[in-house]
PDB file of N, CA and C in Angstrom:
ATOM      1  N   UNK A   1       3.204  17.116  28.872  1.00  0.00           N
ATOM      2  CA  UNK A   1       3.674  18.673  28.870  1.00  0.00           C
ATOM      3  C   UNK A   1       2.630  19.538  28.452  1.00  0.00           C
ATOM      4  N   UNK A   2       2.458  20.908  29.153  1.00  0.00           N
ATOM      5  CA  UNK A   2       1.047  21.882  29.685  1.00  0.00           C
ATOM      6  C   UNK A   2       1.240  22.807  28.192  1.00  0.00           C
ATOM      7  N   UNK A   3       0.729  23.385  27.978  1.00  0.00           N
ATOM      8  CA  UNK A   3       0.872  24.373  26.846  1.00  0.00           C
ATOM      9  C   UNK A   3       0.179  25.582  27.007  1.00  0.00           C
ATOM     10  N   UNK A   4       0.415  26.781  26.594  1.00  0.00           N
ATOM     11  CA  UNK A   4      -0.267  28.437  27.459  1.00  0.00           C
ATOM     12  C   UNK A   4      -0.471  28.041  25.954  1.00  0.00           C
ATOM     13  N   UNK A   5      -1.710  28.746  25.520  1.00  0.00           N
ATOM     14  CA  UNK A   5      -2.389  28.764  24.259  1.00  0.00           C
ATOM     15  C   UNK A   5      -2.309  30.414  23.434  1.00  0.00           C
ATOM     16  N   UNK A   6      -2.034  30.546  22.302  1.00  0.00           N
ATOM     17  CA  UNK A   6      -2.162  31.613  21.679  1.00  0.00           C
ATOM     18  C   UNK A   6      -2.920  31.598  20.530  1.00  0.00           C
ATOM     19  N   UNK A   7      -2.866  32.557  19.556  1.00  0.00           N
ATOM     20  CA  UNK A   7      -3.681  32.492  18.598  1.00  0.00           C
ATOM     21  C   UNK A   7      -3.517  33.780  17.243  1.00  0.00           C
ATOM     22  N   UNK A   8      -3.892  32.981  16.536  1.00  0.00           N
ATOM     23  CA  UNK A   8      -3.996  34.238  15.112  1.00  0.00           C
ATOM     24  C   UNK A   8      -5.109  34.138  14.725  1.00  0.00           C
ATOM     25  N   UNK A   9      -6.273  36.080  14.467  1.00  0.00           N
ATOM     26  CA  UNK A   9      -6.409  36.099  13.561  1.00  0.00           C
ATOM     27  C   UNK A   9      -6.669  36.633  12.797  1.00  0.00           C
ATOM     28  N   UNK A  10      -7.364  35.766  11.185  1.00  0.00           N
ATOM     29  CA  UNK A  10      -6.880  37.010  10.274  1.00  0.00           C
ATOM     30  C   UNK A  10      -8.027  37.424   9.726  1.00  0.00           C
ATOM     31  N   UNK A  11      -7.948  38.660   9.429  1.00  0.00           N
ATOM     32  CA  UNK A  11      -9.454  38.910   9.301  1.00  0.00           C
ATOM     33  C   UNK A  11      -9.733  39.424   7.618  1.00  0.00           C
ATOM     34  N   UNK A  12     -10.776  39.098   7.090  1.00  0.00           N
ATOM     35  CA  UNK A  12     -10.738  39.263   5.709  1.00  0.00           C
ATOM     36  C   UNK A  12     -11.903  40.223   5.072  1.00  0.00           C
ATOM     37  N   UNK A  13     -11.475  40.534   3.968  1.00  0.00           N
ATOM     38  CA  UNK A  13     -12.928  41.581   4.178  1.00  0.00           C
ATOM     39  C   UNK A  13     -12.387  41.600   2.116  1.00  0.00           C
ATOM     40  N   UNK A  14     -13.732  41.180   1.743  1.00  0.00           N
ATOM     41  CA  UNK A  14     -13.859  40.945   0.195  1.00  0.00           C
ATOM     42  C   UNK A  14     -15.142  42.114  -0.139  1.00  0.00           C
ATOM     43  N   UNK A  15     -14.523  43.038  -1.005  1.00  0.00           N
ATOM     44  CA  UNK A  15     -15.227  43.849  -2.220  1.00  0.00           C
ATOM     45  C   UNK A  15     -16.256  43.667  -2.305  1.00  0.00           C
ATOM     46  N   UNK A  16     -17.843  44.014  -2.544  1.00  0.00           N
ATOM     47  CA  UNK A  16     -18.793  43.668  -3.443  1.00  0.00           C
ATOM     48  C   UNK A  16     -18.027  43.721  -4.479  1.00  0.00           C
ATOM     49  N   UNK A  17     -18.734  42.844  -5.571  1.00  0.00           N
ATOM     50  CA  UNK A  17     -18.423  42.634  -6.937  1.00  0.00           C
ATOM     51  C   UNK A  17     -17.228  42.747  -7.366  1.00  0.00           C
ATOM     52  N   UNK A  18     -16.493  42.842  -6.729  1.00  0.00           N
ATOM     53  CA  UNK A  18     -14.927  42.827  -7.216  1.00  0.00           C
ATOM     54  C   UNK A  18     -13.515  41.813  -6.850  1.00  0.00           C
ATOM     55  N   UNK A  19     -13.992  41.414  -5.978  1.00  0.00           N
ATOM     56  CA  UNK A  19     -13.633  40.216  -5.351  1.00  0.00           C
ATOM     57  C   UNK A  19     -11.883  40.284  -4.650  1.00  0.00           C
ATOM     58  N   UNK A  20     -11.539  41.660  -4.638  1.00  0.00           N
ATOM     59  CA  UNK A  20     -10.477  42.247  -3.744  1.00  0.00           C
ATOM     60  C   UNK A  20     -10.544  41.670  -2.287  1.00  0.00           C
ATOM     61  N   UNK A  21      -9.425  40.651  -1.948  1.00  0.00           N
ATOM     62  CA  UNK A  21      -9.128  40.534  -0.479  1.00  0.00           C
ATOM     63  C   UNK A  21      -7.974  41.499   0.046  1.00  0.00           C
ATOM     64  N   UNK A  22      -8.621  41.561   0.956  1.00  0.00           N
ATOM     65  CA  UNK A  22      -7.460  42.188   2.638  1.00  0.00           C
ATOM     66  C   UNK A  22      -7.579  41.583   3.458  1.00  0.00           C
ATOM     67  N   UNK A  23      -6.191  41.356   3.823  1.00  0.00           N
ATOM     68  CA  UNK A  23      -6.102  41.676   5.618  1.00  0.00           C
ATOM     69  C   UNK A  23      -6.196  42.459   6.523  1.00  0.00           C
ATOM     70  N   UNK A  24      -6.395  42.364   7.639  1.00  0.00           N
ATOM     71  CA  UNK A  24      -6.379  43.294   8.653  1.00  0.00           C
ATOM     72  C   UNK A  24      -4.862  42.921   9.608  1.00  0.00           C
ATOM     73  N   UNK A  25      -3.440  44.279   9.553  1.00  0.00           N
ATOM     74  CA  UNK A  25      -2.775  44.107  10.310  1.00  0.00           C
ATOM     75  C   UNK A  25      -2.929  45.088  10.997  1.00  0.00           C
ATOM     76  N   UNK A  26      -2.426  44.515  12.162  1.00  0.00           N
ATOM     77  CA  UNK A  26      -1.988  45.641  13.181  1.00  0.00           C
ATOM     78  C   UNK A  26      -0.558  46.311  13.232  1.00  0.00           C
ATOM     79  N   UNK A  27      -0.661  47.732  13.997  1.00  0.00           N
ATOM     80  CA  UNK A  27       1.051  47.886  13.894  1.00  0.00           C
ATOM     81  C   UNK A  27       1.639  48.190  15.464  1.00  0.00           C
ATOM     82  N   UNK A  28       2.367  47.845  15.576  1.00  0.00           N
ATOM     83  CA  UNK A  28       2.476  47.330  17.263  1.00  0.00           C
ATOM     84  C   UNK A  28       3.027  49.184  17.843  1.00  0.00           C
ATOM     85  N   UNK A  29       3.021  49.081  18.401  1.00  0.00           N
ATOM     86  CA  UNK A  29       4.245  50.505  19.410  1.00  0.00           C
ATOM     87  C   UNK A  29       5.552  49.911  19.126  1.00  0.00           C
ATOM     88  N   UNK A  30       6.255  50.995  19.044  1.00  0.00           N
ATOM     89  CA  UNK A  30       7.429  51.133  19.601  1.00  0.00           C
ATOM     90  C   UNK A  30       8.405  50.415  20.451  1.00  0.00           C
ATOM     91  N   UNK A  31       7.652  50.519  21.758  1.00  0.00           N
ATOM     92  CA  UNK A  31       8.656  49.714  23.176  1.00  0.00           C
ATOM     93  C   UNK A  31       7.764  48.335  22.714  1.00  0.00           C
ATOM     94  N   UNK A  32       7.021  47.989  21.522  1.00  0.00           N
ATOM     95  CA  UNK A  32       6.843  46.226  21.290  1.00  0.00           C
ATOM     96  C   UNK A  32       7.241  45.642  20.157  1.00  0.00           C
ATOM     97  N   UNK A  33       8.236  46.498  19.432  1.00  0.00           N
ATOM     98  CA  UNK A  33       9.164  46.192  18.346  1.00  0.00           C
ATOM     99  C   UNK A  33       8.495  47.149  16.989  1.00  0.00           C
ATOM    100  N   UNK A  34       7.283  48.332  17.146  1.00  0.00           N
ATOM    101  CA  UNK A  34       6.674  48.743  15.638  1.00  0.00           C
ATOM    102  C   UNK A  34       6.733  47.643  14.341  1.00  0.00           C
ATOM    103  N   UNK A  35       6.258  46.593  14.526  1.00  0.00           N
ATOM    104  CA  UNK A  35       6.554  46.032  13.473  1.00  0.00           C
ATOM    105  C   UNK A  35       4.767  45.211  12.956  1.00  0.00           C
ATOM    106  N   UNK A  36       4.374  45.167  12.267  1.00  0.00           N
ATOM    107  CA  UNK A  36       3.209  45.133  11.828  1.00  0.00           C
ATOM    108  C   UNK A  36       2.596  43.136  11.504  1.00  0.00           C
ATOM    109  N   UNK A  37       1.434  43.017  12.533  1.00  0.00           N
ATOM    110  CA  UNK A  37       0.973  41.843  12.353  1.00  0.00           C
ATOM    111  C   UNK A  37      -0.378  41.265  12.661  1.00  0.00           C
ATOM    112  N   UNK A  38      -1.277  40.169  12.380  1.00  0.00           N
ATOM    113  CA  UNK A  38      -2.708  40.062  11.936  1.00  0.00           C
ATOM    114  C   UNK A  38      -2.708  39.983  14.018  1.00  0.00           C
ATOM    115  N   UNK A  39      -4.182  40.239  14.251  1.00  0.00           N
ATOM    116  CA  UNK A  39      -4.764  40.311  15.459  1.00  0.00           C
ATOM    117  C   UNK A  39      -4.315  38.645  15.699  1.00  0.00           C
ATOM    118  N   UNK A  40      -3.630  39.054  17.058  1.00  0.00           N
ATOM    119  CA  UNK A  40      -3.111  37.761  18.577  1.00  0.00           C
ATOM    120  C   UNK A  40      -4.023  38.307  19.191  1.00  0.00           C
ATOM    121  N   UNK A  41      -3.201  36.967  20.285  1.00  0.00           N
ATOM    122  CA  UNK A  41      -3.985  37.233  21.728  1.00  0.00           C
ATOM    123  C   UNK A  41      -3.851  35.419  22.073  1.00  0.00           C
ATOM    124  N   UNK A  42      -3.885  35.693  23.763  1.00  0.00           N
ATOM    125  CA  UNK A  42      -3.861  34.514  24.544  1.00  0.00           C
ATOM    126  C   UNK A  42      -5.591  33.974  24.634  1.00  0.00           C
ATOM    127  N   UNK A  43      -5.197  33.109  25.323  1.00  0.00           N
ATOM    128  CA  UNK A  43      -7.070  32.252  25.599  1.00  0.00           C
ATOM    129  C   UNK A  43      -6.892  32.539  26.300  1.00  0.00           C
ATOM    130  N   UNK A  44      -8.057  32.615  27.403  1.00  0.00           N
ATOM    131  CA  UNK A  44      -8.846  32.672  28.788  1.00  0.00           C
ATOM    132  C   UNK A  44      -9.170  31.710  29.267  1.00  0.00           C
ATOM    133  N   UNK A  45      -8.932  31.613  30.554  1.00  0.00           N
ATOM    134  CA  UNK A  45      -9.163  30.357  31.181  1.00  0.00           C
ATOM    135  C   UNK A  45     -10.077  30.021  31.036  1.00  0.00           C
ATOM    136  N   UNK A  46     -11.363  28.511  30.773  1.00  0.00           N
ATOM    137  CA  UNK A  46     -12.020  27.524  29.992  1.00  0.00           C
ATOM    138  C   UNK A  46     -12.583  28.477  28.581  1.00  0.00           C
ATOM    139  N   UNK A  47     -11.878  29.032  27.831  1.00  0.00           N
ATOM    140  CA  UNK A  47     -11.960  29.720  26.563  1.00  0.00           C
ATOM    141  C   UNK A  47     -11.526  28.779  25.695  1.00  0.00           C
ATOM    142  N   UNK A  48     -12.323  27.783  24.833  1.00  0.00           N
ATOM    143  CA  UNK A  48     -11.745  27.555  23.620  1.00  0.00           C
ATOM    144  C   UNK A  48     -10.945  28.400  22.764  1.00  0.00           C
ATOM    145  N   UNK A  49     -10.267  27.789  21.991  1.00  0.00           N
ATOM    146  CA  UNK A  49      -9.326  28.263  20.604  1.00  0.00           C
ATOM    147  C   UNK A  49     -10.500  29.404  20.090  1.00  0.00           C
ATOM    148  N   UNK A  50     -11.524  29.088  19.558  1.00  0.00           N
ATOM    149  CA  UNK A  50     -12.285  30.141  18.250  1.00  0.00           C
ATOM    150  C   UNK A  50     -13.106  30.765  19.394  1.00  0.00           C
ATOM    151  N   UNK A  51     -13.244  30.639  20.330  1.00  0.00           N
ATOM    152  CA  UNK A  51     -13.891  31.819  21.662  1.00  0.00           C
ATOM    153  C   UNK A  51     -12.514  32.877  22.226  1.00  0.00           C
ATOM    154  N   UNK A  52     -11.666  32.663  21.651  1.00  0.00           N
ATOM    155  CA  UNK A  52     -11.063  33.497  22.180  1.00  0.00           C
ATOM    156  C   UNK A  52     -10.431  34.332  20.560  1.00  0.00           C
ATOM    157  N   UNK A  53     -10.545  33.475  20.018  1.00  0.00           N
ATOM    158  CA  UNK A  53     -10.956  34.155  18.509  1.00  0.00           C
ATOM    159  C   UNK A  53     -11.300  35.196  18.149  1.00  0.00           C
ATOM    160  N   UNK A  54     -12.732  34.980  18.916  1.00  0.00           N
ATOM    161  CA  UNK A  54     -13.583  36.018  18.084  1.00  0.00           C
ATOM    162  C   UNK A  54     -13.895  37.058  19.059  1.00  0.00           C
ATOM    163  N   UNK A  55     -12.869  36.873  20.232  1.00  0.00           N
ATOM    164  CA  UNK A  55     -13.156  37.762  21.268  1.00  0.00           C
ATOM    165  C   UNK A  55     -11.860  38.574  20.876  1.00  0.00           C
ATOM    166  N   UNK A  56     -10.482  37.571  21.424  1.00  0.00           N
ATOM    167  CA  UNK A  56      -9.588  38.896  20.632  1.00  0.00           C
ATOM    168  C   UNK A  56      -9.472  40.128  19.035  1.00  0.00           C
ATOM    169  N   UNK A  57     -10.074  39.328  18.365  1.00  0.00           N
ATOM    170  CA  UNK A  57     -10.666  40.183  16.953  1.00  0.00           C
ATOM    171  C   UNK A  57     -11.874  41.539  17.182  1.00  0.00           C
ATOM    172  N   UNK A  58     -12.705  41.042  18.240  1.00  0.00           N
ATOM    173  CA  UNK A  58     -13.166  42.704  18.313  1.00  0.00           C
ATOM    174  C   UNK A  58     -12.869  42.843  19.631  1.00  0.00           C
ATOM    175  N   UNK A  59     -11.905  43.046  20.533  1.00  0.00           N
ATOM    176  CA  UNK A  59     -11.308  43.790  21.474  1.00  0.00           C
ATOM    177  C   UNK A  59     -10.663  44.092  20.361  1.00  0.00           C
ATOM    178  N   UNK A  60      -9.722  43.845  19.641  1.00  0.00           N
ATOM    179  CA  UNK A  60      -8.809  44.851  18.643  1.00  0.00           C
ATOM    180  C   UNK A  60      -8.770  45.068  17.536  1.00  0.00           C
ATOM    181  N   UNK A  61      -9.983  45.190  17.140  1.00  0.00           N
ATOM    182  CA  UNK A  61     -10.215  45.954  15.781  1.00  0.00           C
ATOM    183  C   UNK A  61     -11.731  46.758  16.426  1.00  0.00           C
ATOM    184  N   UNK A  62     -12.195  46.709  17.020  1.00  0.00           N
ATOM    185  CA  UNK A  62     -13.362  46.954  17.410  1.00  0.00           C
ATOM    186  C   UNK A  62     -14.711  46.796  16.476  1.00  0.00           C
ATOM    187  N   UNK A  63     -14.653  45.968  16.171  1.00  0.00           N
ATOM    188  CA  UNK A  63     -15.278  45.659  14.831  1.00  0.00           C
ATOM    189  C   UNK A  63     -16.211  45.171  15.053  1.00  0.00           C
ATOM    190  N   UNK A  64     -16.993  44.364  15.436  1.00  0.00           N
ATOM    191  CA  UNK A  64     -18.622  43.080  15.962  1.00  0.00           C
ATOM    192  C   UNK A  64     -18.429  42.482  14.479  1.00  0.00           C
ATOM    193  N   UNK A  65     -18.272  40.934  14.741  1.00  0.00           N
ATOM    194  CA  UNK A  65     -18.320  39.925  13.507  1.00  0.00           C
ATOM    195  C   UNK A  65     -20.005  39.020  13.535  1.00  0.00           C
ATOM    196  N   UNK A  66     -20.054  38.895  12.822  1.00  0.00           N
ATOM    197  CA  UNK A  66     -21.778  37.736  12.765  1.00  0.00           C
ATOM    198  C   UNK A  66     -21.432  36.441  12.443  1.00  0.00           C
ATOM    199  N   UNK A  67     -20.265  35.651  12.042  1.00  0.00           N
ATOM    200  CA  UNK A  67     -19.429  35.202  12.205  1.00  0.00           C
ATOM    201  C   UNK A  67     -18.709  34.315  12.787  1.00  0.00           C
ATOM    202  N   UNK A  68     -18.700  33.099  12.913  1.00  0.00           N
ATOM    203  CA  UNK A  68     -17.783  32.346  14.012  1.00  0.00           C
ATOM    204  C   UNK A  68     -16.292  32.478  13.121  1.00  0.00           C
ATOM    205  N   UNK A  69     -15.216  32.378  13.721  1.00  0.00           N
ATOM    206  CA  UNK A  69     -13.941  32.407  12.905  1.00  0.00           C
ATOM    207  C   UNK A  69     -13.707  30.708  12.298  1.00  0.00           C
ATOM    208  N   UNK A  70     -12.820  30.326  11.988  1.00  0.00           N
ATOM    209  CA  UNK A  70     -12.853  29.494  11.258  1.00  0.00           C
ATOM    210  C   UNK A  70     -11.379  28.717  11.314  1.00  0.00           C
ATOM    211  N   UNK A  71     -11.046  27.479  11.810  1.00  0.00           N
ATOM    212  CA  UNK A  71      -9.777  27.030  12.083  1.00  0.00           C
ATOM    213  C   UNK A  71      -9.413  26.516  10.690  1.00  0.00           C
ATOM    214  N   UNK A  72      -8.051  27.240  10.247  1.00  0.00           N
ATOM    215  CA  UNK A  72      -7.370  27.114   9.041  1.00  0.00           C
ATOM    216  C   UNK A  72      -6.813  25.304   8.532  1.00  0.00           C
ATOM    217  N   UNK A  73      -6.808  24.842  10.103  1.00  0.00           N
ATOM    218  CA  UNK A  73      -5.279  23.573   9.596  1.00  0.00           C
ATOM    219  C   UNK A  73      -5.161  23.986  10.224  1.00  0.00           C
ATOM    220  N   UNK A  74      -4.314  24.967  10.682  1.00  0.00           N
ATOM    221  CA  UNK A  74      -2.421  25.758  10.690  1.00  0.00           C
ATOM    222  C   UNK A  74      -2.951  25.503  12.536  1.00  0.00           C
ATOM    223  N   UNK A  75      -1.660  25.346  12.716  1.00  0.00           N
ATOM    224  CA  UNK A  75      -1.388  24.532  13.922  1.00  0.00           C
ATOM    225  C   UNK A  75       0.369  24.671  14.609  1.00  0.00           C
ATOM    226  N   UNK A  76       1.197  25.952  15.708  1.00  0.00           N
ATOM    227  CA  UNK A  76       2.319  24.826  15.632  1.00  0.00           C
ATOM    228  C   UNK A  76       2.464  25.596  17.306  1.00  0.00           C
ATOM    229  N   UNK A  77       3.747  24.855  17.481  1.00  0.00           N
ATOM    230  CA  UNK A  77       3.599  24.192  19.014  1.00  0.00           C
ATOM    231  C   UNK A  77       5.342  25.244  19.476  1.00  0.00           C
ATOM    232  N   UNK A  78       5.839  26.112  19.856  1.00  0.00           N
ATOM    233  CA  UNK A  78       7.296  26.412  20.395  1.00  0.00           C
ATOM    234  C   UNK A  78       7.104  27.208  21.317  1.00  0.00           C
ATOM    235  N   UNK A  79       8.916  27.255  22.030  1.00  0.00           N
ATOM    236  CA  UNK A  79       8.789  27.703  22.946  1.00  0.00           C
ATOM    237  C   UNK A  79       8.768  29.516  23.283  1.00  0.00           C
ATOM    238  N   UNK A  80       7.983  29.402  23.923  1.00  0.00           N
ATOM    239  CA  UNK A  80       7.756  31.127  24.840  1.00  0.00           C
ATOM    240  C   UNK A  80       8.253  31.469  25.553  1.00  0.00           C
ATOM    241  N   UNK A  81       8.762  32.535  26.183  1.00  0.00           N
ATOM    242  CA  UNK A  81       8.849  33.339  27.537  1.00  0.00           C
ATOM    243  C   UNK A  81       8.622  32.466  28.676  1.00  0.00           C
ATOM    244  N   UNK A  82      10.334  32.429  29.688  1.00  0.00           N
ATOM    245  CA  UNK A  82      10.161  31.404  30.141  1.00  0.00           C
ATOM    246  C   UNK A  82       9.614  30.096  30.492  1.00  0.00           C
ATOM    247  N   UNK A  83      10.307  29.622  29.273  1.00  0.00           N
ATOM    248  CA  UNK A  83      10.073  28.541  29.326  1.00  0.00           C
ATOM    249  C   UNK A  83       9.058  27.486  28.838  1.00  0.00           C
ATOM    250  N   UNK A  84       7.939  28.511  28.860  1.00  0.00           N
ATOM    251  CA  UNK A  84       6.690  27.297  29.065  1.00  0.00           C
ATOM    252  C   UNK A  84       6.199  27.272  27.025  1.00  0.00           C
ATOM    253  N   UNK A  85       5.742  26.157  26.867  1.00  0.00           N
ATOM    254  CA  UNK A  85       5.486  25.983  25.403  1.00  0.00           C
ATOM    255  C   UNK A  85       4.262  27.001  25.059  1.00  0.00           C
ATOM    256  N   UNK A  86       4.760  27.356  23.875  1.00  0.00           N
ATOM    257  CA  UNK A  86       3.312  27.723  23.378  1.00  0.00           C
ATOM    258  C   UNK A  86       2.593  26.976  22.201  1.00  0.00           C
ATOM    259  N   UNK A  87       0.855  27.182  21.920  1.00  0.00           N
ATOM    260  CA  UNK A  87       0.349  26.143  20.997  1.00  0.00           C
ATOM    261  C   UNK A  87      -0.567  27.573  20.672  1.00  0.00           C
ATOM    262  N   UNK A  88      -0.168  27.574  19.180  1.00  0.00           N
ATOM    263  CA  UNK A  88      -0.669  28.611  18.336  1.00  0.00           C
ATOM    264  C   UNK A  88      -1.383  28.535  17.327  1.00  0.00           C
ATOM    265  N   UNK A  89      -2.650  28.434  17.080  1.00  0.00           N
ATOM    266  CA  UNK A  89      -3.974  28.203  16.112  1.00  0.00           C
ATOM    267  C   UNK A  89      -3.917  29.402  14.980  1.00  0.00           C
ATOM    268  N   UNK A  90      -4.115  29.404  13.744  1.00  0.00           N
ATOM    269  CA  UNK A  90      -4.824  30.383  12.680  1.00  0.00           C
ATOM    270  C   UNK A  90      -5.795  30.075  12.513  1.00  0.00           C
ATOM    271  N   UNK A  91      -6.678  31.428  12.786  1.00  0.00           N
ATOM    272  CA  UNK A  91      -8.413  31.406  12.317  1.00  0.00           C
ATOM    273  C   UNK A  91      -8.623  32.122  10.768  1.00  0.00           C
ATOM    274  N   UNK A  92      -9.478  32.071  10.591  1.00  0.00           N
ATOM    275  CA  UNK A  92     -10.037  32.952   9.630  1.00  0.00           C
ATOM    276  C   UNK A  92     -11.510  33.813   9.729  1.00  0.00           C
ATOM    277  N   UNK A  93     -11.482  34.848   9.446  1.00  0.00           N
ATOM    278  CA  UNK A  93     -12.646  35.560  10.108  1.00  0.00           C
ATOM    279  C   UNK A  93     -13.190  36.921   9.275  1.00  0.00           C
ATOM    280  N   UNK A  94     -13.946  36.558   8.227  1.00  0.00           N
ATOM    281  CA  UNK A  94     -13.690  36.896   7.057  1.00  0.00           C
ATOM    282  C   UNK A  94     -15.482  38.287   7.911  1.00  0.00           C
ATOM    283  N   UNK A  95     -14.881  39.434   7.000  1.00  0.00           N
ATOM    284  CA  UNK A  95     -16.058  40.525   7.003  1.00  0.00           C
ATOM    285  C   UNK A  95     -16.338  41.019   5.905  1.00  0.00           C
ATOM    286  N   UNK A  96     -17.654  40.778   5.952  1.00  0.00           N
ATOM    287  CA  UNK A  96     -18.326  40.858   4.490  1.00  0.00           C
ATOM    288  C   UNK A  96     -18.910  42.493   4.232  1.00  0.00           C
ATOM    289  N   UNK A  97     -18.755  43.498   3.044  1.00  0.00           N
ATOM    290  CA  UNK A  97     -18.916  44.820   3.300  1.00  0.00           C
ATOM    291  C   UNK A  97     -18.704  45.513   4.005  1.00  0.00           C
ATOM    292  N   UNK A  98     -18.601  47.214   4.203  1.00  0.00           N
ATOM    293  CA  UNK A  98     -17.927  47.655   4.908  1.00  0.00           C
ATOM    294  C   UNK A  98     -16.777  48.496   4.418  1.00  0.00           C
ATOM    295  N   UNK A  99     -15.749  48.778   5.204  1.00  0.00           N
ATOM    296  CA  UNK A  99     -14.536  49.596   5.055  1.00  0.00           C
ATOM    297  C   UNK A  99     -14.186  49.777   5.663  1.00  0.00           C
TER     298      UNK A  99
END
């Protein structure tokens, strides 16, 4: 069975000295449902999941990251549009400092 790859990237920030954690979520435009979600995207041809996670996080957030995404060990497979199966993996990508 062939899978179309997808991913979820959680961008996390720890406030210095406070231990406060924040997750970046983006609001979709009304034609796409107007709901909030973490960074998501499709993996491009010959791209690994972690390479795609980093690319999507940078494209969608406008940020540059010094670290590589860390696979959280969470993976799901579900039917997507057009009868194609989707494999989705969750990643953790930290931001330290900044706002």
